[in-house]
N, C-alpha and C. Protein backbone atom coordinates (compact mmCIF):
# COMPACT_ATOMS: atom_id res chain seq x y z
N MET A 1 -4.10 16.69 -1.26
CA MET A 1 -4.91 16.39 -0.09
C MET A 1 -4.03 16.39 1.17
N LEU A 2 -3.05 15.51 1.21
CA LEU A 2 -2.21 15.43 2.40
C LEU A 2 -1.26 16.61 2.51
N THR A 3 -0.82 17.15 1.39
CA THR A 3 0.09 18.28 1.43
C THR A 3 -0.56 19.47 2.12
N GLY A 4 -1.80 19.72 1.81
CA GLY A 4 -2.52 20.82 2.45
C GLY A 4 -2.70 20.59 3.95
N LYS A 5 -2.96 19.36 4.31
CA LYS A 5 -3.13 19.04 5.74
C LYS A 5 -1.81 19.15 6.49
N LEU A 6 -0.72 18.77 5.83
CA LEU A 6 0.59 18.93 6.45
C LEU A 6 0.93 20.41 6.61
N ASP A 7 0.59 21.21 5.61
CA ASP A 7 0.83 22.66 5.71
C ASP A 7 0.01 23.27 6.85
N ASP A 8 -1.23 22.80 7.00
CA ASP A 8 -2.07 23.27 8.12
C ASP A 8 -1.43 22.92 9.46
N GLU A 9 -0.89 21.70 9.55
CA GLU A 9 -0.25 21.26 10.79
C GLU A 9 0.99 22.11 11.09
N LYS A 10 1.79 22.37 10.07
CA LYS A 10 2.98 23.20 10.26
C LYS A 10 2.60 24.61 10.70
N GLY A 11 1.55 25.16 10.09
CA GLY A 11 1.09 26.50 10.48
C GLY A 11 0.60 26.53 11.92
N ALA A 12 -0.09 25.50 12.32
CA ALA A 12 -0.59 25.42 13.70
C ALA A 12 0.57 25.32 14.68
N LEU A 13 1.59 24.58 14.32
CA LEU A 13 2.76 24.45 15.20
C LEU A 13 3.51 25.77 15.31
N LYS A 14 3.62 26.49 14.20
CA LYS A 14 4.30 27.79 14.24
C LYS A 14 3.51 28.80 15.06
N ALA A 15 2.19 28.72 14.98
CA ALA A 15 1.33 29.64 15.72
C ALA A 15 1.29 29.31 17.20
N GLU A 16 1.70 28.10 17.55
CA GLU A 16 1.68 27.61 18.93
C GLU A 16 0.29 27.70 19.56
N ASP A 17 -0.73 27.43 18.73
CA ASP A 17 -2.13 27.43 19.18
C ASP A 17 -2.53 25.98 19.46
N LEU A 18 -2.68 25.63 20.72
CA LEU A 18 -2.92 24.24 21.12
C LEU A 18 -4.20 23.67 20.51
N ASP A 19 -5.29 24.45 20.49
CA ASP A 19 -6.54 23.95 19.92
C ASP A 19 -6.40 23.72 18.41
N LEU A 20 -5.71 24.63 17.74
CA LEU A 20 -5.49 24.48 16.30
C LEU A 20 -4.59 23.30 16.01
N ILE A 21 -3.59 23.08 16.85
CA ILE A 21 -2.70 21.93 16.69
C ILE A 21 -3.48 20.63 16.85
N LYS A 22 -4.32 20.56 17.87
CA LYS A 22 -5.11 19.34 18.10
C LYS A 22 -6.05 19.06 16.93
N SER A 23 -6.75 20.07 16.46
CA SER A 23 -7.71 19.85 15.38
C SER A 23 -7.01 19.49 14.07
N SER A 24 -5.90 20.16 13.77
CA SER A 24 -5.20 19.83 12.52
C SER A 24 -4.56 18.44 12.60
N THR A 25 -4.10 18.05 13.80
CA THR A 25 -3.53 16.71 13.98
C THR A 25 -4.60 15.64 13.79
N GLU A 26 -5.77 15.85 14.36
CA GLU A 26 -6.87 14.89 14.20
C GLU A 26 -7.27 14.78 12.74
N ASP A 27 -7.32 15.91 12.03
CA ASP A 27 -7.69 15.90 10.62
C ASP A 27 -6.64 15.15 9.79
N LEU A 28 -5.37 15.39 10.10
CA LEU A 28 -4.29 14.71 9.40
C LEU A 28 -4.32 13.21 9.68
N GLU A 29 -4.52 12.82 10.93
CA GLU A 29 -4.58 11.39 11.29
C GLU A 29 -5.75 10.70 10.59
N LYS A 30 -6.88 11.39 10.48
CA LYS A 30 -8.04 10.82 9.79
C LYS A 30 -7.71 10.57 8.32
N SER A 31 -7.07 11.54 7.69
CA SER A 31 -6.71 11.39 6.28
C SER A 31 -5.69 10.28 6.08
N LEU A 32 -4.73 10.18 6.98
CA LEU A 32 -3.73 9.12 6.87
C LEU A 32 -4.37 7.74 7.09
N GLY A 33 -5.35 7.67 7.97
CA GLY A 33 -6.07 6.41 8.18
C GLY A 33 -6.83 5.99 6.93
N GLU A 34 -7.46 6.96 6.27
CA GLU A 34 -8.18 6.67 5.03
C GLU A 34 -7.21 6.21 3.95
N LEU A 35 -6.04 6.84 3.90
CA LEU A 35 -5.02 6.45 2.93
C LEU A 35 -4.54 5.02 3.19
N ALA A 36 -4.32 4.69 4.45
CA ALA A 36 -3.87 3.34 4.82
C ALA A 36 -4.93 2.30 4.45
N GLN A 37 -6.19 2.61 4.68
CA GLN A 37 -7.25 1.68 4.32
C GLN A 37 -7.32 1.47 2.82
N ALA A 38 -7.15 2.55 2.06
CA ALA A 38 -7.19 2.44 0.61
C ALA A 38 -6.01 1.62 0.10
N ALA A 39 -4.83 1.82 0.69
CA ALA A 39 -3.66 1.05 0.28
C ALA A 39 -3.83 -0.42 0.60
N GLN A 40 -4.40 -0.72 1.77
CA GLN A 40 -4.61 -2.11 2.15
C GLN A 40 -5.65 -2.76 1.25
N ALA A 41 -6.70 -2.03 0.91
CA ALA A 41 -7.74 -2.57 0.03
C ALA A 41 -7.18 -2.84 -1.37
N ALA A 42 -6.22 -2.02 -1.78
CA ALA A 42 -5.61 -2.20 -3.10
C ALA A 42 -4.55 -3.28 -3.10
N GLY A 43 -4.28 -3.85 -1.95
CA GLY A 43 -3.29 -4.91 -1.86
C GLY A 43 -1.88 -4.39 -1.72
N GLY A 44 -1.73 -3.11 -1.41
CA GLY A 44 -0.42 -2.51 -1.30
C GLY A 44 0.19 -2.62 0.08
N ALA A 45 -0.51 -3.20 1.03
CA ALA A 45 0.03 -3.29 2.39
C ALA A 45 -0.13 -4.70 2.91
N GLY A 46 0.76 -5.08 3.78
CA GLY A 46 0.62 -6.36 4.46
C GLY A 46 1.31 -7.53 3.78
N GLY A 47 1.66 -7.39 2.52
CA GLY A 47 2.31 -8.49 1.83
C GLY A 47 3.78 -8.21 1.61
N PRO A 48 4.49 -9.21 1.19
CA PRO A 48 5.92 -9.00 0.95
C PRO A 48 6.14 -8.13 -0.28
N MET A 49 7.28 -7.49 -0.34
CA MET A 49 7.64 -6.72 -1.52
C MET A 49 7.81 -7.69 -2.67
N PRO A 50 7.61 -7.25 -3.92
CA PRO A 50 7.69 -8.18 -5.05
C PRO A 50 9.01 -8.93 -5.13
N ASP A 51 10.12 -8.29 -4.81
CA ASP A 51 11.40 -8.98 -4.90
C ASP A 51 11.76 -9.71 -3.61
N MET A 52 10.87 -9.71 -2.63
CA MET A 52 11.12 -10.36 -1.35
C MET A 52 10.25 -11.61 -1.20
N ALA A 53 9.84 -12.19 -2.29
CA ALA A 53 8.91 -13.31 -2.24
C ALA A 53 9.56 -14.63 -1.85
N GLY A 54 10.86 -14.63 -1.66
CA GLY A 54 11.53 -15.86 -1.28
C GLY A 54 12.00 -16.66 -2.47
N ASN A 55 11.85 -16.11 -3.67
CA ASN A 55 12.31 -16.77 -4.89
C ASN A 55 13.41 -15.93 -5.51
N PRO A 56 14.63 -16.07 -5.03
CA PRO A 56 15.69 -15.21 -5.55
C PRO A 56 15.98 -15.51 -7.02
N ASP A 57 16.34 -14.46 -7.76
CA ASP A 57 16.69 -14.60 -9.16
C ASP A 57 18.14 -15.04 -9.33
N VAL A 58 18.91 -15.04 -8.25
CA VAL A 58 20.33 -15.33 -8.31
C VAL A 58 20.60 -16.62 -7.55
N GLU A 59 21.46 -17.42 -8.12
CA GLU A 59 21.85 -18.66 -7.45
C GLU A 59 22.80 -18.32 -6.30
N PRO A 60 22.71 -19.02 -5.17
CA PRO A 60 23.63 -18.76 -4.08
C PRO A 60 25.07 -19.09 -4.46
N ALA A 61 26.00 -18.35 -3.88
CA ALA A 61 27.42 -18.57 -4.18
C ALA A 61 27.88 -19.87 -3.53
N ASP A 62 28.83 -20.53 -4.17
CA ASP A 62 29.41 -21.74 -3.61
C ASP A 62 30.58 -21.35 -2.72
N ASP A 63 30.37 -21.25 -1.43
CA ASP A 63 31.40 -20.86 -0.48
C ASP A 63 31.80 -22.05 0.39
N GLU A 64 31.79 -23.22 -0.20
CA GLU A 64 32.09 -24.41 0.58
C GLU A 64 33.54 -24.48 1.02
N ASP A 65 34.46 -23.92 0.22
CA ASP A 65 35.87 -24.02 0.56
C ASP A 65 36.31 -22.94 1.55
N GLY A 66 35.52 -21.90 1.76
CA GLY A 66 35.85 -20.86 2.72
C GLY A 66 36.89 -19.87 2.23
N GLU A 67 37.35 -20.02 1.01
CA GLU A 67 38.36 -19.12 0.45
C GLU A 67 37.68 -17.88 -0.13
N PRO A 68 38.36 -16.72 -0.06
CA PRO A 68 37.79 -15.52 -0.67
C PRO A 68 37.71 -15.68 -2.19
N ARG A 69 36.71 -15.07 -2.77
CA ARG A 69 36.52 -15.15 -4.21
C ARG A 69 37.21 -13.98 -4.89
N GLN A 70 37.56 -14.16 -6.13
CA GLN A 70 38.17 -13.11 -6.93
C GLN A 70 37.09 -12.10 -7.30
N ALA A 71 37.39 -10.80 -7.13
CA ALA A 71 36.44 -9.75 -7.45
C ALA A 71 36.25 -9.65 -8.96
N LYS A 72 35.05 -9.29 -9.36
CA LYS A 72 34.76 -9.09 -10.78
C LYS A 72 34.83 -7.60 -11.07
N GLY A 73 35.42 -7.23 -12.16
CA GLY A 73 35.49 -5.83 -12.55
C GLY A 73 36.63 -5.11 -11.86
N LYS A 74 36.61 -3.80 -11.97
CA LYS A 74 37.67 -2.97 -11.41
C LYS A 74 37.43 -2.76 -9.92
N VAL A 75 38.46 -2.99 -9.12
CA VAL A 75 38.36 -2.82 -7.68
C VAL A 75 39.20 -1.61 -7.29
N VAL A 76 38.62 -0.71 -6.51
CA VAL A 76 39.31 0.49 -6.08
C VAL A 76 39.42 0.46 -4.57
N ASP A 77 40.63 0.60 -4.06
CA ASP A 77 40.85 0.68 -2.62
C ASP A 77 40.76 2.15 -2.23
N ALA A 78 39.78 2.49 -1.39
CA ALA A 78 39.57 3.89 -1.05
C ALA A 78 39.30 4.03 0.44
N GLU A 79 39.44 5.26 0.91
CA GLU A 79 39.19 5.58 2.30
C GLU A 79 38.13 6.67 2.35
N VAL A 80 37.16 6.52 3.26
CA VAL A 80 36.12 7.52 3.43
C VAL A 80 36.66 8.61 4.33
N VAL A 81 36.57 9.86 3.87
CA VAL A 81 37.06 11.00 4.61
C VAL A 81 35.89 11.93 4.91
N ASP A 82 35.72 12.30 6.18
CA ASP A 82 34.66 13.21 6.56
C ASP A 82 35.15 14.64 6.31
N ALA A 83 34.50 15.34 5.40
CA ALA A 83 34.93 16.68 5.00
C ALA A 83 34.71 17.71 6.09
N ASP A 84 33.85 17.42 7.08
CA ASP A 84 33.55 18.38 8.14
C ASP A 84 34.64 18.42 9.20
N LYS A 85 35.52 17.48 9.24
CA LYS A 85 36.54 17.44 10.30
C LYS A 85 37.79 18.15 9.89
């Protein structure tokens, strides 16, 4: 459904036809609005993500002494290099 409307929009942009661009944009916006309404009705919008409910599964770290903690597992010291330069 949306893929076809996006393809129509891309074709209208390539053709540089202003009326076709306007009509395909309106059609796409209408479909996206319907999708948003369906998602909201299904409870998929407006609420927190399941893992963002404020009930963490992990206990907070005890950083009362301010000292760095020992790393767990293998630690690798590395440098990021940009290959394009």
